[in-house]
Amino acid sequence: MPQKDAELIESAACGDEDAFTQLYKTYQADVYRYLCYLCSESWLVQDLFQETWLRAVRALPGKSKIKNFKHYIFTIATNLYRDELRKLRVRRFFLGEEADPDKDGYLYAENTVSNSLTSFQNIEQWQDIQAALKSLTPRQRAVFSLFYIQDLSIQEITVIVKRKQGTVKATLFQAVQKIKKYVNQSV
């Protein structure tokens, strides 16, 4: 973690709003992009994004010893996403709705083309990538997004998703295999 982040965390933990604002400005785009890759509905992305930062600002006064703010904020976002998946499954169970594999555990980013299109050559390519990501389980999508989109290391991902290194590697391997299989089928 950069020394500047450590100083900002300590200042923010002591109530310095400007320090927290700087942390927010540094990581807001990464957190938003990550949530877009996980969730399908723009309202849900917005809710999870806001709740992530609210939880961070509320908990920060007691967390002046945070070692890595990026890990901290991505852990909050990942946990909120998991909680939303659990709520969705419970609602479906108690409301008696039929499980929909595209919605039940696959809160997927269909409305993020405008945010990420600049890194792809055309809309068709982006749609193919979206469809391939949709074939992943929520855990696979999270690990894949953290590794390939957020460019985090396996060690960093283990901290965020709270899984052992071997499990993260296996999940990433499975995600890549599913995407390869999907891409080969669509060609």
C-alpha atoms as a PDB file:
ATOM      1  CA  MET A   1       0.000   0.000   0.000  1.00  0.00           C
ATOM      2  CA  PRO A   2       1.366   3.426  -0.839  1.00  0.00           C
ATOM      3  CA  GLN A   3       2.518   5.481   2.129  1.00  0.00           C
ATOM      4  CA  LYS A   4       0.024   8.145   1.116  1.00  0.00           C
ATOM      5  CA  ASP A   5      -2.878   5.704   1.619  1.00  0.00           C
ATOM      6  CA  ALA A   6      -1.624   4.799   5.095  1.00  0.00           C
ATOM      7  CA  GLU A   7      -1.531   8.463   6.051  1.00  0.00           C
ATOM      8  CA  LEU A   8      -4.957   9.084   4.536  1.00  0.00           C
ATOM      9  CA  ILE A   9      -6.460   6.112   6.405  1.00  0.00           C
ATOM     10  CA  GLU A  10      -5.058   7.325   9.696  1.00  0.00           C
ATOM     11  CA  SER A  11      -6.301  10.868   9.077  1.00  0.00           C
ATOM     12  CA  ALA A  12      -9.721   9.656   7.932  1.00  0.00           C
ATOM     13  CA  ALA A  13      -9.974   7.411  11.004  1.00  0.00           C
ATOM     14  CA  CYS A  14      -9.444  10.518  13.114  1.00  0.00           C
ATOM     15  CA  GLY A  15     -12.319  12.279  11.363  1.00  0.00           C
ATOM     16  CA  ASP A  16     -10.542  14.135   8.546  1.00  0.00           C
ATOM     17  CA  GLU A  17     -13.172  14.382   5.798  1.00  0.00           C
ATOM     18  CA  ASP A  18     -10.661  15.556   3.199  1.00  0.00           C
ATOM     19  CA  ALA A  19      -8.553  12.432   3.735  1.00  0.00           C
ATOM     20  CA  PHE A  20     -11.569  10.192   3.206  1.00  0.00           C
ATOM     21  CA  THR A  21     -12.535  12.210   0.131  1.00  0.00           C
ATOM     22  CA  GLN A  22      -9.085  11.551  -1.323  1.00  0.00           C
ATOM     23  CA  LEU A  23      -9.435   7.807  -0.652  1.00  0.00           C
ATOM     24  CA  TYR A  24     -12.871   7.898  -2.266  1.00  0.00           C
ATOM     25  CA  LYS A  25     -11.566   9.686  -5.360  1.00  0.00           C
ATOM     26  CA  THR A  26      -8.697   7.216  -5.656  1.00  0.00           C
ATOM     27  CA  TYR A  27     -10.816   4.053  -5.514  1.00  0.00           C
ATOM     28  CA  GLN A  28     -14.338   5.036  -6.598  1.00  0.00           C
ATOM     29  CA  ALA A  29     -13.919   4.128 -10.281  1.00  0.00           C
ATOM     30  CA  ASP A  30     -12.392   0.725  -9.498  1.00  0.00           C
ATOM     31  CA  VAL A  31     -15.139  -0.178  -7.033  1.00  0.00           C
ATOM     32  CA  TYR A  32     -17.882   0.983  -9.390  1.00  0.00           C
ATOM     33  CA  ARG A  33     -16.412  -0.943 -12.321  1.00  0.00           C
ATOM     34  CA  TYR A  34     -16.097  -4.078 -10.192  1.00  0.00           C
ATOM     35  CA  LEU A  35     -19.736  -3.862  -9.113  1.00  0.00           C
ATOM     36  CA  CYS A  36     -20.818  -3.308 -12.716  1.00  0.00           C
ATOM     37  CA  TYR A  37     -19.195  -6.590 -13.684  1.00  0.00           C
ATOM     38  CA  LEU A  38     -21.059  -8.346 -10.887  1.00  0.00           C
ATOM     39  CA  CYS A  39     -24.561  -6.857 -11.074  1.00  0.00           C
ATOM     40  CA  SER A  40     -27.163  -6.584 -13.808  1.00  0.00           C
ATOM     41  CA  GLU A  41     -29.346  -3.747 -12.677  1.00  0.00           C
ATOM     42  CA  SER A  42     -27.947  -0.232 -12.635  1.00  0.00           C
ATOM     43  CA  TRP A  43     -30.020   0.578  -9.538  1.00  0.00           C
ATOM     44  CA  LEU A  44     -28.413  -2.361  -7.742  1.00  0.00           C
ATOM     45  CA  VAL A  45     -24.921  -1.259  -8.757  1.00  0.00           C
ATOM     46  CA  GLN A  46     -25.726   2.208  -7.399  1.00  0.00           C
ATOM     47  CA  ASP A  47     -27.130   0.788  -4.143  1.00  0.00           C
ATOM     48  CA  LEU A  48     -24.166  -1.509  -3.556  1.00  0.00           C
ATOM     49  CA  PHE A  49     -21.716   1.249  -4.481  1.00  0.00           C
ATOM     50  CA  GLN A  50     -23.271   3.694  -2.037  1.00  0.00           C
ATOM     51  CA  GLU A  51     -23.594   1.099   0.721  1.00  0.00           C
ATOM     52  CA  THR A  52     -19.950   0.089   0.235  1.00  0.00           C
ATOM     53  CA  TRP A  53     -18.770   3.629   0.849  1.00  0.00           C
ATOM     54  CA  LEU A  54     -21.243   4.220   3.686  1.00  0.00           C
ATOM     55  CA  ARG A  55     -19.983   1.139   5.495  1.00  0.00           C
ATOM     56  CA  ALA A  56     -16.397   2.178   4.889  1.00  0.00           C
ATOM     57  CA  VAL A  57     -16.909   5.665   6.300  1.00  0.00           C
ATOM     58  CA  ARG A  58     -18.896   4.373   9.299  1.00  0.00           C
ATOM     59  CA  ALA A  59     -16.342   1.704  10.213  1.00  0.00           C
ATOM     60  CA  LEU A  60     -13.204   3.702   9.487  1.00  0.00           C
ATOM     61  CA  PRO A  61     -12.924   5.464  12.883  1.00  0.00           C
ATOM     62  CA  GLY A  62     -12.256   2.086  14.506  1.00  0.00           C
ATOM     63  CA  LYS A  63     -10.031   0.837  11.692  1.00  0.00           C
ATOM     64  CA  SER A  64      -6.998   3.098  11.713  1.00  0.00           C
ATOM     65  CA  LYS A  65      -4.801   0.010  11.398  1.00  0.00           C
ATOM     66  CA  ILE A  66      -6.126  -1.022   7.979  1.00  0.00           C
ATOM     67  CA  LYS A  67      -3.141  -2.359   6.066  1.00  0.00           C
ATOM     68  CA  ASN A  68      -4.513  -1.936   2.557  1.00  0.00           C
ATOM     69  CA  PHE A  69      -7.487   0.291   1.784  1.00  0.00           C
ATOM     70  CA  LYS A  70      -8.036  -1.262  -1.638  1.00  0.00           C
ATOM     71  CA  HIS A  71      -8.445  -4.702  -0.035  1.00  0.00           C
ATOM     72  CA  TYR A  72     -10.687  -3.203   2.619  1.00  0.00           C
ATOM     73  CA  ILE A  73     -13.063  -1.491   0.185  1.00  0.00           C
ATOM     74  CA  PHE A  74     -13.218  -4.449  -2.231  1.00  0.00           C
ATOM     75  CA  THR A  75     -13.935  -6.793   0.685  1.00  0.00           C
ATOM     76  CA  ILE A  76     -16.878  -4.628   1.696  1.00  0.00           C
ATOM     77  CA  ALA A  77     -18.195  -4.552  -1.903  1.00  0.00           C
ATOM     78  CA  THR A  78     -17.794  -8.338  -2.285  1.00  0.00           C
ATOM     79  CA  ASN A  79     -19.560  -9.036   1.005  1.00  0.00           C
ATOM     80  CA  LEU A  80     -22.453  -6.742   0.100  1.00  0.00           C
ATOM     81  CA  TYR A  81     -22.783  -8.532  -3.249  1.00  0.00           C
ATOM     82  CA  ARG A  82     -22.873 -11.914  -1.496  1.00  0.00           C
ATOM     83  CA  ASP A  83     -25.492 -10.610   0.930  1.00  0.00           C
ATOM     84  CA  GLU A  84     -27.631  -9.437  -1.977  1.00  0.00           C
ATOM     85  CA  LEU A  85     -27.409 -12.880  -3.585  1.00  0.00           C
ATOM     86  CA  ARG A  86     -28.525 -14.517  -0.343  1.00  0.00           C
ATOM     87  CA  LYS A  87     -31.457 -12.115  -0.025  1.00  0.00           C
ATOM     88  CA  LEU A  88     -32.491 -12.836  -3.592  1.00  0.00           C
ATOM     89  CA  ARG A  89     -32.440 -16.589  -3.028  1.00  0.00           C
ATOM     90  CA  VAL A  90     -34.446 -16.276   0.184  1.00  0.00           C
ATOM     91  CA  ARG A  91     -37.031 -14.016  -1.475  1.00  0.00           C
ATOM     92  CA  ARG A  92     -37.431 -16.464  -4.334  1.00  0.00           C
ATOM     93  CA  PHE A  93     -37.824 -19.364  -1.931  1.00  0.00           C
ATOM     94  CA  PHE A  94     -40.425 -17.717   0.281  1.00  0.00           C
ATOM     95  CA  LEU A  95     -42.328 -16.046  -2.536  1.00  0.00           C
ATOM     96  CA  GLY A  96     -42.498 -19.358  -4.361  1.00  0.00           C
ATOM     97  CA  GLU A  97     -41.027 -17.964  -7.553  1.00  0.00           C
ATOM     98  CA  GLU A  98     -39.360 -20.348  -9.930  1.00  0.00           C
ATOM     99  CA  ALA A  99     -35.593 -20.080  -9.867  1.00  0.00           C
ATOM    100  CA  ASP A 100     -34.194 -18.229 -12.835  1.00  0.00           C
ATOM    101  CA  PRO A 101     -30.526 -19.120 -13.457  1.00  0.00           C
ATOM    102  CA  ASP A 102     -29.947 -15.737 -15.073  1.00  0.00           C
ATOM    103  CA  LYS A 103     -31.160 -13.931 -11.965  1.00  0.00           C
ATOM    104  CA  ASP A 104     -30.762 -16.386  -9.104  1.00  0.00           C
ATOM    105  CA  GLY A 105     -27.114 -15.840  -8.361  1.00  0.00           C
ATOM    106  CA  TYR A 106     -26.180 -14.133 -11.610  1.00  0.00           C
ATOM    107  CA  LEU A 107     -26.756 -10.459 -10.958  1.00  0.00           C
ATOM    108  CA  TYR A 108     -24.983  -9.619 -14.141  1.00  0.00           C
ATOM    109  CA  ALA A 109     -23.802  -6.416 -15.782  1.00  0.00           C
ATOM    110  CA  GLU A 110     -25.890  -5.782 -18.859  1.00  0.00           C
ATOM    111  CA  ASN A 111     -26.096  -2.039 -18.438  1.00  0.00           C
ATOM    112  CA  THR A 112     -22.378  -1.303 -18.261  1.00  0.00           C
ATOM    113  CA  VAL A 113     -21.600  -0.960 -21.958  1.00  0.00           C
ATOM    114  CA  SER A 114     -21.302   2.800 -21.734  1.00  0.00           C
ATOM    115  CA  ASN A 115     -18.824   2.543 -18.830  1.00  0.00           C
ATOM    116  CA  SER A 116     -16.528  -0.054 -20.362  1.00  0.00           C
ATOM    117  CA  LEU A 117     -17.012   0.167 -24.116  1.00  0.00           C
ATOM    118  CA  THR A 118     -13.898   2.237 -24.620  1.00  0.00           C
ATOM    119  CA  SER A 119     -11.680  -0.772 -23.917  1.00  0.00           C
ATOM    120  CA  PHE A 120     -13.387  -2.922 -26.567  1.00  0.00           C
ATOM    121  CA  GLN A 121     -13.392  -2.543 -30.335  1.00  0.00           C
ATOM    122  CA  ASN A 122     -17.123  -2.769 -30.847  1.00  0.00           C
ATOM    123  CA  ILE A 123     -20.442  -3.445 -29.198  1.00  0.00           C
ATOM    124  CA  GLU A 124     -20.647  -7.012 -30.522  1.00  0.00           C
ATOM    125  CA  GLN A 125     -17.329  -7.900 -28.893  1.00  0.00           C
ATOM    126  CA  TRP A 126     -18.503  -6.365 -25.616  1.00  0.00           C
ATOM    127  CA  GLN A 127     -21.775  -8.306 -25.786  1.00  0.00           C
ATOM    128  CA  ASP A 128     -19.858 -11.556 -26.373  1.00  0.00           C
ATOM    129  CA  ILE A 129     -17.736 -10.837 -23.306  1.00  0.00           C
ATOM    130  CA  GLN A 130     -20.853 -10.066 -21.264  1.00  0.00           C
ATOM    131  CA  ALA A 131     -22.474 -13.324 -22.322  1.00  0.00           C
ATOM    132  CA  ALA A 132     -19.317 -15.267 -21.454  1.00  0.00           C
ATOM    133  CA  LEU A 133     -19.158 -13.647 -18.004  1.00  0.00           C
ATOM    134  CA  LYS A 134     -22.820 -14.453 -17.484  1.00  0.00           C
ATOM    135  CA  SER A 135     -21.975 -18.153 -17.750  1.00  0.00           C
ATOM    136  CA  LEU A 136     -19.840 -17.905 -14.590  1.00  0.00           C
ATOM    137  CA  THR A 137     -21.029 -18.489 -11.038  1.00  0.00           C
ATOM    138  CA  PRO A 138     -21.021 -15.426  -8.767  1.00  0.00           C
ATOM    139  CA  ARG A 139     -17.797 -16.560  -7.055  1.00  0.00           C
ATOM    140  CA  GLN A 140     -16.102 -17.242 -10.404  1.00  0.00           C
ATOM    141  CA  ARG A 141     -17.212 -13.851 -11.711  1.00  0.00           C
ATOM    142  CA  ALA A 142     -15.890 -12.083  -8.621  1.00  0.00           C
ATOM    143  CA  VAL A 143     -12.502 -13.824  -8.741  1.00  0.00           C
ATOM    144  CA  PHE A 144     -12.225 -13.375 -12.523  1.00  0.00           C
ATOM    145  CA  SER A 145     -13.120  -9.671 -12.271  1.00  0.00           C
ATOM    146  CA  LEU A 146     -10.705  -9.044  -9.428  1.00  0.00           C
ATOM    147  CA  PHE A 147      -7.858 -10.808 -11.244  1.00  0.00           C
ATOM    148  CA  TYR A 148      -8.317  -9.749 -14.863  1.00  0.00           C
ATOM    149  CA  ILE A 149     -10.265  -6.507 -14.614  1.00  0.00           C
ATOM    150  CA  GLN A 150      -8.989  -5.024 -11.347  1.00  0.00           C
ATOM    151  CA  ASP A 151      -5.522  -6.555 -11.869  1.00  0.00           C
ATOM    152  CA  LEU A 152      -5.170  -7.829  -8.308  1.00  0.00           C
ATOM    153  CA  SER A 153      -2.824 -10.664  -7.386  1.00  0.00           C
ATOM    154  CA  ILE A 154      -3.975 -14.075  -6.177  1.00  0.00           C
ATOM    155  CA  GLN A 155      -2.796 -13.170  -2.671  1.00  0.00           C
ATOM    156  CA  GLU A 156      -4.836  -9.962  -2.693  1.00  0.00           C
ATOM    157  CA  ILE A 157      -7.919 -11.822  -3.921  1.00  0.00           C
ATOM    158  CA  THR A 158      -7.612 -14.400  -1.133  1.00  0.00           C
ATOM    159  CA  VAL A 159      -7.893 -11.576   1.386  1.00  0.00           C
ATOM    160  CA  ILE A 160     -10.926 -10.040  -0.335  1.00  0.00           C
ATOM    161  CA  VAL A 161     -12.959 -13.199  -0.953  1.00  0.00           C
ATOM    162  CA  LYS A 162     -11.769 -14.898   2.247  1.00  0.00           C
ATOM    163  CA  ARG A 163     -10.760 -18.136   0.540  1.00  0.00           C
ATOM    164  CA  LYS A 164      -7.499 -20.074   0.504  1.00  0.00           C
ATOM    165  CA  GLN A 165      -5.022 -19.479  -2.292  1.00  0.00           C
ATOM    166  CA  GLY A 166      -5.635 -22.910  -3.834  1.00  0.00           C
ATOM    167  CA  THR A 167      -9.378 -22.306  -3.882  1.00  0.00           C
ATOM    168  CA  VAL A 168      -8.922 -18.924  -5.571  1.00  0.00           C
ATOM    169  CA  LYS A 169      -6.594 -20.423  -8.181  1.00  0.00           C
ATOM    170  CA  ALA A 170      -9.021 -23.280  -8.867  1.00  0.00           C
ATOM    171  CA  THR A 171     -11.950 -20.865  -9.124  1.00  0.00           C
ATOM    172  CA  LEU A 172     -10.012 -18.656 -11.528  1.00  0.00           C
ATOM    173  CA  PHE A 173      -9.003 -21.669 -13.619  1.00  0.00           C
ATOM    174  CA  GLN A 174     -12.617 -22.857 -13.802  1.00  0.00           C
ATOM    175  CA  ALA A 175     -13.767 -19.370 -14.806  1.00  0.00           C
ATOM    176  CA  VAL A 176     -11.198 -19.153 -17.591  1.00  0.00           C
ATOM    177  CA  GLN A 177     -12.138 -22.624 -18.837  1.00  0.00           C
ATOM    178  CA  LYS A 178     -15.837 -21.713 -18.916  1.00  0.00           C
ATOM    179  CA  ILE A 179     -15.121 -18.502 -20.809  1.00  0.00           C
ATOM    180  CA  LYS A 180     -12.878 -20.316 -23.305  1.00  0.00           C
ATOM    181  CA  LYS A 181     -15.562 -22.928 -23.845  1.00  0.00           C
ATOM    182  CA  TYR A 182     -18.216 -20.261 -24.303  1.00  0.00           C
ATOM    183  CA  VAL A 183     -16.091 -18.253 -26.740  1.00  0.00           C
ATOM    184  CA  ASN A 184     -15.229 -21.374 -28.782  1.00  0.00           C
ATOM    185  CA  GLN A 185     -18.936 -22.270 -29.019  1.00  0.00           C
ATOM    186  CA  SER A 186     -19.931 -18.817 -30.206  1.00  0.00           C
ATOM    187  CA  VAL A 187     -17.284 -18.643 -32.942  1.00  0.00           C
END
